[in-house]
N, C-alpha and C. Protein backbone atom coordinates (compact mmCIF):
# COMPACT_ATOMS: atom_id res chain seq x y z
N MET A 1 32.63 -19.79 75.04
CA MET A 1 33.19 -20.24 73.83
C MET A 1 32.09 -20.57 72.85
N SER A 2 32.33 -20.39 71.63
CA SER A 2 31.31 -20.64 70.64
C SER A 2 31.71 -21.85 69.81
N THR A 3 30.70 -22.47 69.32
CA THR A 3 30.97 -23.66 68.51
C THR A 3 30.45 -23.44 67.09
N MET A 4 31.03 -24.09 66.20
CA MET A 4 30.64 -24.00 64.80
C MET A 4 30.32 -25.40 64.31
N THR A 5 29.19 -25.49 63.60
CA THR A 5 28.82 -26.81 63.08
C THR A 5 28.73 -26.73 61.55
N ALA A 6 29.03 -27.79 60.91
CA ALA A 6 28.94 -27.86 59.45
C ALA A 6 27.81 -28.81 59.10
N THR A 7 26.87 -28.32 58.33
CA THR A 7 25.76 -29.17 57.90
C THR A 7 25.73 -29.20 56.37
N ARG A 8 25.25 -30.25 55.88
CA ARG A 8 25.13 -30.37 54.43
C ARG A 8 23.83 -29.70 54.00
N THR A 9 23.90 -28.95 52.94
CA THR A 9 22.69 -28.36 52.39
C THR A 9 22.18 -29.28 51.28
N PHE A 10 20.88 -29.23 51.07
CA PHE A 10 20.27 -30.10 50.06
C PHE A 10 20.54 -29.53 48.67
N ARG A 11 21.12 -30.32 47.82
CA ARG A 11 21.33 -29.94 46.42
C ARG A 11 20.75 -31.04 45.57
N PRO A 12 19.84 -30.67 44.67
CA PRO A 12 19.28 -31.73 43.84
C PRO A 12 20.38 -32.33 42.97
N ALA A 13 20.26 -33.57 42.76
CA ALA A 13 21.26 -34.27 41.96
C ALA A 13 21.13 -33.84 40.50
N MET A 14 22.23 -33.52 39.88
CA MET A 14 22.24 -33.15 38.48
C MET A 14 22.11 -34.42 37.66
N PRO A 15 21.17 -34.41 36.70
CA PRO A 15 21.06 -35.61 35.90
C PRO A 15 22.31 -35.77 35.04
N ALA A 16 22.67 -36.98 34.87
CA ALA A 16 23.86 -37.26 34.07
C ALA A 16 23.57 -36.89 32.61
N PRO A 17 24.52 -36.26 31.94
CA PRO A 17 24.27 -35.89 30.54
C PRO A 17 24.02 -37.13 29.70
N ARG A 18 22.96 -37.04 28.89
CA ARG A 18 22.63 -38.18 28.04
C ARG A 18 23.52 -38.16 26.81
N PRO A 19 24.06 -39.25 26.47
CA PRO A 19 24.86 -39.28 25.25
C PRO A 19 23.93 -39.11 24.04
N ALA A 20 24.44 -38.44 23.02
CA ALA A 20 23.65 -38.22 21.82
C ALA A 20 23.37 -39.57 21.17
N PRO A 21 22.12 -39.77 20.74
CA PRO A 21 21.82 -41.03 20.07
C PRO A 21 22.68 -41.18 18.82
N THR A 22 23.06 -42.36 18.57
CA THR A 22 23.91 -42.60 17.40
C THR A 22 23.08 -42.43 16.13
N GLY A 23 23.71 -41.88 15.10
CA GLY A 23 23.03 -41.71 13.82
C GLY A 23 22.34 -40.36 13.68
N GLN A 24 22.31 -39.55 14.71
CA GLN A 24 21.68 -38.24 14.62
C GLN A 24 22.76 -37.16 14.69
N VAL A 25 22.51 -36.08 13.98
CA VAL A 25 23.44 -34.97 13.96
C VAL A 25 22.78 -33.78 14.61
N ARG A 26 23.46 -33.15 15.51
CA ARG A 26 22.97 -31.93 16.13
C ARG A 26 23.82 -30.79 15.63
N LEU A 27 23.13 -29.76 15.09
CA LEU A 27 23.86 -28.63 14.53
C LEU A 27 24.05 -27.55 15.57
N THR A 28 25.21 -26.98 15.54
CA THR A 28 25.47 -25.83 16.40
C THR A 28 24.90 -24.59 15.71
N ARG A 29 24.99 -23.47 16.36
CA ARG A 29 24.51 -22.22 15.77
C ARG A 29 25.26 -21.93 14.47
N ARG A 30 26.56 -22.15 14.47
CA ARG A 30 27.35 -21.92 13.26
C ARG A 30 26.96 -22.90 12.16
N GLY A 31 26.68 -24.13 12.52
CA GLY A 31 26.26 -25.13 11.54
C GLY A 31 24.92 -24.76 10.90
N ARG A 32 23.97 -24.29 11.72
CA ARG A 32 22.69 -23.86 11.16
C ARG A 32 22.87 -22.67 10.22
N LEU A 33 23.77 -21.76 10.56
CA LEU A 33 24.05 -20.62 9.70
C LEU A 33 24.65 -21.07 8.37
N VAL A 34 25.56 -22.03 8.42
CA VAL A 34 26.17 -22.54 7.20
C VAL A 34 25.12 -23.22 6.33
N VAL A 35 24.24 -24.01 6.92
CA VAL A 35 23.19 -24.68 6.15
C VAL A 35 22.25 -23.65 5.53
N PHE A 36 21.90 -22.62 6.27
CA PHE A 36 21.02 -21.57 5.75
C PHE A 36 21.66 -20.83 4.58
N VAL A 37 22.94 -20.47 4.72
CA VAL A 37 23.63 -19.75 3.64
C VAL A 37 23.75 -20.63 2.41
N LEU A 38 24.05 -21.92 2.59
CA LEU A 38 24.13 -22.82 1.44
C LEU A 38 22.79 -22.96 0.74
N ALA A 39 21.70 -23.08 1.51
CA ALA A 39 20.37 -23.18 0.91
C ALA A 39 20.03 -21.89 0.16
N LEU A 40 20.39 -20.76 0.72
CA LEU A 40 20.15 -19.48 0.06
C LEU A 40 20.92 -19.38 -1.25
N LEU A 41 22.16 -19.85 -1.26
CA LEU A 41 22.96 -19.84 -2.48
C LEU A 41 22.38 -20.77 -3.54
N VAL A 42 21.85 -21.91 -3.12
CA VAL A 42 21.22 -22.84 -4.07
C VAL A 42 20.00 -22.19 -4.70
N VAL A 43 19.16 -21.56 -3.89
CA VAL A 43 17.96 -20.90 -4.42
C VAL A 43 18.36 -19.76 -5.36
N LEU A 44 19.35 -18.98 -4.99
CA LEU A 44 19.83 -17.89 -5.84
C LEU A 44 20.38 -18.45 -7.15
N GLY A 45 21.15 -19.52 -7.08
CA GLY A 45 21.70 -20.13 -8.29
C GLY A 45 20.61 -20.66 -9.21
N LEU A 46 19.57 -21.30 -8.65
CA LEU A 46 18.46 -21.78 -9.47
C LEU A 46 17.72 -20.62 -10.11
N GLY A 47 17.53 -19.55 -9.38
CA GLY A 47 16.86 -18.38 -9.93
C GLY A 47 17.64 -17.79 -11.09
N LEU A 48 18.95 -17.69 -10.94
CA LEU A 48 19.78 -17.17 -12.04
C LEU A 48 19.76 -18.11 -13.24
N TYR A 49 19.75 -19.41 -12.99
CA TYR A 49 19.71 -20.39 -14.08
C TYR A 49 18.41 -20.26 -14.87
N TRP A 50 17.28 -20.15 -14.15
CA TRP A 50 15.98 -20.02 -14.82
C TRP A 50 15.86 -18.67 -15.52
N ALA A 51 16.43 -17.62 -14.93
CA ALA A 51 16.35 -16.29 -15.53
C ALA A 51 17.19 -16.19 -16.79
N ALA A 52 18.23 -17.00 -16.89
CA ALA A 52 19.08 -16.96 -18.08
C ALA A 52 18.33 -17.48 -19.30
N GLY A 53 17.25 -18.21 -19.10
CA GLY A 53 16.48 -18.73 -20.23
C GLY A 53 15.68 -17.66 -20.94
N SER A 54 15.36 -16.55 -20.28
CA SER A 54 14.62 -15.48 -20.94
C SER A 54 15.62 -14.49 -21.51
N VAL A 55 15.67 -14.45 -22.81
CA VAL A 55 16.67 -13.63 -23.48
C VAL A 55 15.98 -12.68 -24.45
N ALA A 56 16.39 -11.45 -24.44
CA ALA A 56 15.89 -10.48 -25.41
C ALA A 56 16.85 -10.43 -26.59
N THR A 57 16.32 -10.15 -27.76
CA THR A 57 17.18 -10.05 -28.93
C THR A 57 17.54 -8.60 -29.18
N GLU A 58 18.56 -8.38 -29.98
CA GLU A 58 18.96 -7.02 -30.31
C GLU A 58 18.16 -6.47 -31.48
N GLU A 59 17.47 -7.35 -32.19
CA GLU A 59 16.69 -6.91 -33.34
C GLU A 59 15.30 -6.48 -32.90
N PRO A 60 14.85 -5.32 -33.39
CA PRO A 60 13.51 -4.88 -33.00
C PRO A 60 12.44 -5.75 -33.63
N GLY A 61 11.34 -5.89 -32.93
CA GLY A 61 10.22 -6.65 -33.46
C GLY A 61 9.42 -5.83 -34.45
N THR A 62 8.47 -6.46 -35.11
CA THR A 62 7.63 -5.74 -36.06
C THR A 62 6.47 -5.12 -35.29
N PRO A 63 6.28 -3.82 -35.40
CA PRO A 63 5.16 -3.22 -34.68
C PRO A 63 3.82 -3.65 -35.28
N GLU A 64 2.84 -3.73 -34.42
CA GLU A 64 1.50 -4.11 -34.86
C GLU A 64 0.90 -2.96 -35.67
N PRO A 65 0.31 -3.27 -36.82
CA PRO A 65 -0.29 -2.18 -37.62
C PRO A 65 -1.52 -1.62 -36.89
N THR A 66 -1.49 -0.30 -36.69
CA THR A 66 -2.60 0.37 -36.00
C THR A 66 -3.01 1.60 -36.77
N ARG A 67 -4.15 2.12 -36.42
CA ARG A 67 -4.61 3.40 -36.95
C ARG A 67 -5.16 4.20 -35.77
N VAL A 68 -5.31 5.48 -35.97
CA VAL A 68 -5.79 6.36 -34.91
C VAL A 68 -7.26 6.66 -35.14
N VAL A 69 -8.04 6.52 -34.06
CA VAL A 69 -9.48 6.78 -34.09
C VAL A 69 -9.75 7.92 -33.12
N MET A 70 -10.53 8.89 -33.56
CA MET A 70 -10.92 9.99 -32.68
C MET A 70 -12.24 9.61 -32.00
N VAL A 71 -12.27 9.72 -30.69
CA VAL A 71 -13.48 9.39 -29.93
C VAL A 71 -14.47 10.53 -30.09
N GLY A 72 -15.67 10.19 -30.53
CA GLY A 72 -16.71 11.20 -30.70
C GLY A 72 -17.62 11.28 -29.48
N THR A 73 -18.52 12.25 -29.51
CA THR A 73 -19.47 12.41 -28.42
C THR A 73 -20.38 11.19 -28.36
N GLY A 74 -20.50 10.59 -27.21
CA GLY A 74 -21.36 9.43 -27.02
C GLY A 74 -20.69 8.11 -27.35
N ASP A 75 -19.46 8.13 -27.84
CA ASP A 75 -18.74 6.89 -28.13
C ASP A 75 -18.25 6.26 -26.84
N THR A 76 -18.23 4.93 -26.83
CA THR A 76 -17.68 4.17 -25.71
C THR A 76 -16.58 3.28 -26.24
N LEU A 77 -15.74 2.85 -25.35
CA LEU A 77 -14.68 1.93 -25.75
C LEU A 77 -15.27 0.62 -26.24
N TRP A 78 -16.35 0.19 -25.63
CA TRP A 78 -17.02 -1.05 -26.05
C TRP A 78 -17.56 -0.91 -27.48
N GLY A 79 -18.16 0.25 -27.79
CA GLY A 79 -18.70 0.47 -29.13
C GLY A 79 -17.60 0.51 -30.18
N ILE A 80 -16.49 1.16 -29.86
CA ILE A 80 -15.36 1.22 -30.79
C ILE A 80 -14.80 -0.18 -31.02
N ALA A 81 -14.65 -0.93 -29.93
CA ALA A 81 -14.13 -2.29 -30.04
C ALA A 81 -15.09 -3.19 -30.81
N ALA A 82 -16.39 -3.00 -30.65
CA ALA A 82 -17.37 -3.82 -31.37
C ALA A 82 -17.29 -3.57 -32.87
N ASP A 83 -17.02 -2.32 -33.28
CA ASP A 83 -16.88 -2.00 -34.70
C ASP A 83 -15.64 -2.65 -35.31
N ILE A 84 -14.60 -2.80 -34.51
CA ILE A 84 -13.32 -3.30 -35.02
C ILE A 84 -13.22 -4.82 -34.94
N ALA A 85 -13.83 -5.43 -33.92
CA ALA A 85 -13.66 -6.87 -33.67
C ALA A 85 -14.23 -7.68 -34.83
N ASP A 86 -13.36 -8.42 -35.53
CA ASP A 86 -13.79 -9.25 -36.66
C ASP A 86 -14.43 -10.55 -36.19
N ASP A 87 -13.85 -11.13 -35.15
CA ASP A 87 -14.32 -12.45 -34.70
C ASP A 87 -15.47 -12.36 -33.70
N GLY A 88 -15.90 -11.18 -33.37
CA GLY A 88 -17.02 -11.02 -32.44
C GLY A 88 -16.63 -11.03 -30.99
N ASP A 89 -15.36 -11.19 -30.68
CA ASP A 89 -14.88 -11.22 -29.29
C ASP A 89 -14.57 -9.78 -28.86
N VAL A 90 -15.61 -9.08 -28.45
CA VAL A 90 -15.48 -7.65 -28.15
C VAL A 90 -14.65 -7.43 -26.88
N ARG A 91 -14.83 -8.29 -25.88
CA ARG A 91 -14.10 -8.12 -24.61
C ARG A 91 -12.59 -8.20 -24.84
N ALA A 92 -12.14 -9.14 -25.67
CA ALA A 92 -10.72 -9.26 -25.98
C ALA A 92 -10.22 -8.02 -26.72
N MET A 93 -11.05 -7.48 -27.59
CA MET A 93 -10.65 -6.28 -28.33
C MET A 93 -10.57 -5.07 -27.40
N VAL A 94 -11.49 -4.97 -26.44
CA VAL A 94 -11.43 -3.88 -25.46
C VAL A 94 -10.12 -3.98 -24.68
N ASP A 95 -9.78 -5.17 -24.23
CA ASP A 95 -8.52 -5.36 -23.49
C ASP A 95 -7.32 -4.99 -24.36
N HIS A 96 -7.37 -5.37 -25.63
CA HIS A 96 -6.27 -5.07 -26.55
C HIS A 96 -6.12 -3.57 -26.76
N ILE A 97 -7.21 -2.87 -26.93
CA ILE A 97 -7.16 -1.41 -27.11
C ILE A 97 -6.66 -0.73 -25.84
N GLU A 98 -7.11 -1.21 -24.68
CA GLU A 98 -6.61 -0.66 -23.41
C GLU A 98 -5.10 -0.85 -23.30
N GLN A 99 -4.61 -2.01 -23.72
CA GLN A 99 -3.19 -2.28 -23.64
C GLN A 99 -2.41 -1.41 -24.64
N LEU A 100 -2.91 -1.25 -25.85
CA LEU A 100 -2.23 -0.42 -26.86
C LEU A 100 -2.10 1.03 -26.42
N ASN A 101 -3.11 1.53 -25.71
CA ASN A 101 -3.13 2.94 -25.32
C ASN A 101 -2.76 3.17 -23.87
N ALA A 102 -2.35 2.12 -23.16
CA ALA A 102 -1.97 2.22 -21.75
C ALA A 102 -3.07 2.87 -20.93
N LEU A 103 -4.31 2.41 -21.13
CA LEU A 103 -5.45 2.94 -20.38
C LEU A 103 -5.61 2.19 -19.07
N ASP A 104 -5.95 2.91 -18.02
CA ASP A 104 -6.20 2.28 -16.72
C ASP A 104 -7.61 1.71 -16.65
N SER A 105 -8.52 2.28 -17.41
CA SER A 105 -9.90 1.82 -17.38
C SER A 105 -10.49 1.96 -18.78
N GLY A 106 -11.74 1.57 -18.91
CA GLY A 106 -12.42 1.68 -20.20
C GLY A 106 -13.05 3.03 -20.43
N MET A 107 -12.72 4.02 -19.63
CA MET A 107 -13.30 5.36 -19.74
C MET A 107 -12.59 6.14 -20.83
N VAL A 108 -13.36 6.65 -21.79
CA VAL A 108 -12.82 7.50 -22.84
C VAL A 108 -13.62 8.80 -22.88
N VAL A 109 -12.99 9.86 -23.39
CA VAL A 109 -13.67 11.16 -23.48
C VAL A 109 -13.68 11.62 -24.94
N ALA A 110 -14.64 12.43 -25.27
CA ALA A 110 -14.76 12.95 -26.63
C ALA A 110 -13.51 13.74 -26.98
N GLY A 111 -12.99 13.50 -28.18
CA GLY A 111 -11.78 14.18 -28.62
C GLY A 111 -10.51 13.40 -28.35
N GLN A 112 -10.61 12.35 -27.59
CA GLN A 112 -9.44 11.54 -27.28
C GLN A 112 -9.05 10.73 -28.51
N ARG A 113 -7.76 10.60 -28.75
CA ARG A 113 -7.27 9.80 -29.86
C ARG A 113 -6.83 8.44 -29.34
N LEU A 114 -7.32 7.39 -29.97
CA LEU A 114 -7.00 6.02 -29.58
C LEU A 114 -6.33 5.30 -30.72
N ARG A 115 -5.30 4.55 -30.41
CA ARG A 115 -4.72 3.65 -31.41
C ARG A 115 -5.48 2.34 -31.35
N VAL A 116 -5.92 1.88 -32.50
CA VAL A 116 -6.68 0.62 -32.58
C VAL A 116 -6.03 -0.25 -33.66
N PRO A 117 -6.09 -1.57 -33.52
CA PRO A 117 -5.51 -2.43 -34.54
C PRO A 117 -6.29 -2.30 -35.86
N THR A 118 -5.54 -2.42 -36.98
CA THR A 118 -6.18 -2.30 -38.29
C THR A 118 -6.84 -3.58 -38.71
N GLY A 119 -6.47 -4.71 -38.12
CA GLY A 119 -7.09 -5.99 -38.46
C GLY A 119 -6.47 -6.64 -39.68
N GLU A 120 -5.30 -6.20 -40.10
CA GLU A 120 -4.64 -6.79 -41.27
C GLU A 120 -3.91 -8.04 -40.88
């Protein structure tokens, strides 16, 4: 005849769940998502509010008076700007001419036509 014995197996005791401290809020995954979406909406709303301050008018502005200068052999953008600059600020005039002509650099070639301010 055979016998059967029952023995207890060792199981570590499960710690008792700690109650949440009073005064603290724990967010669930859905709660964190709601907080994130609300923060995103606030940032979007502030961006739209600040963007509404920049307004274009329907009336065209007055174009800056310019004249066309033909670049000659040996001419540089710096030399052309130095001839035009009234206040002696040649670097600012070079930047202004580059902006008027949508130039990527200060490189000019002979025969090129440049718009330059008339200084009026």
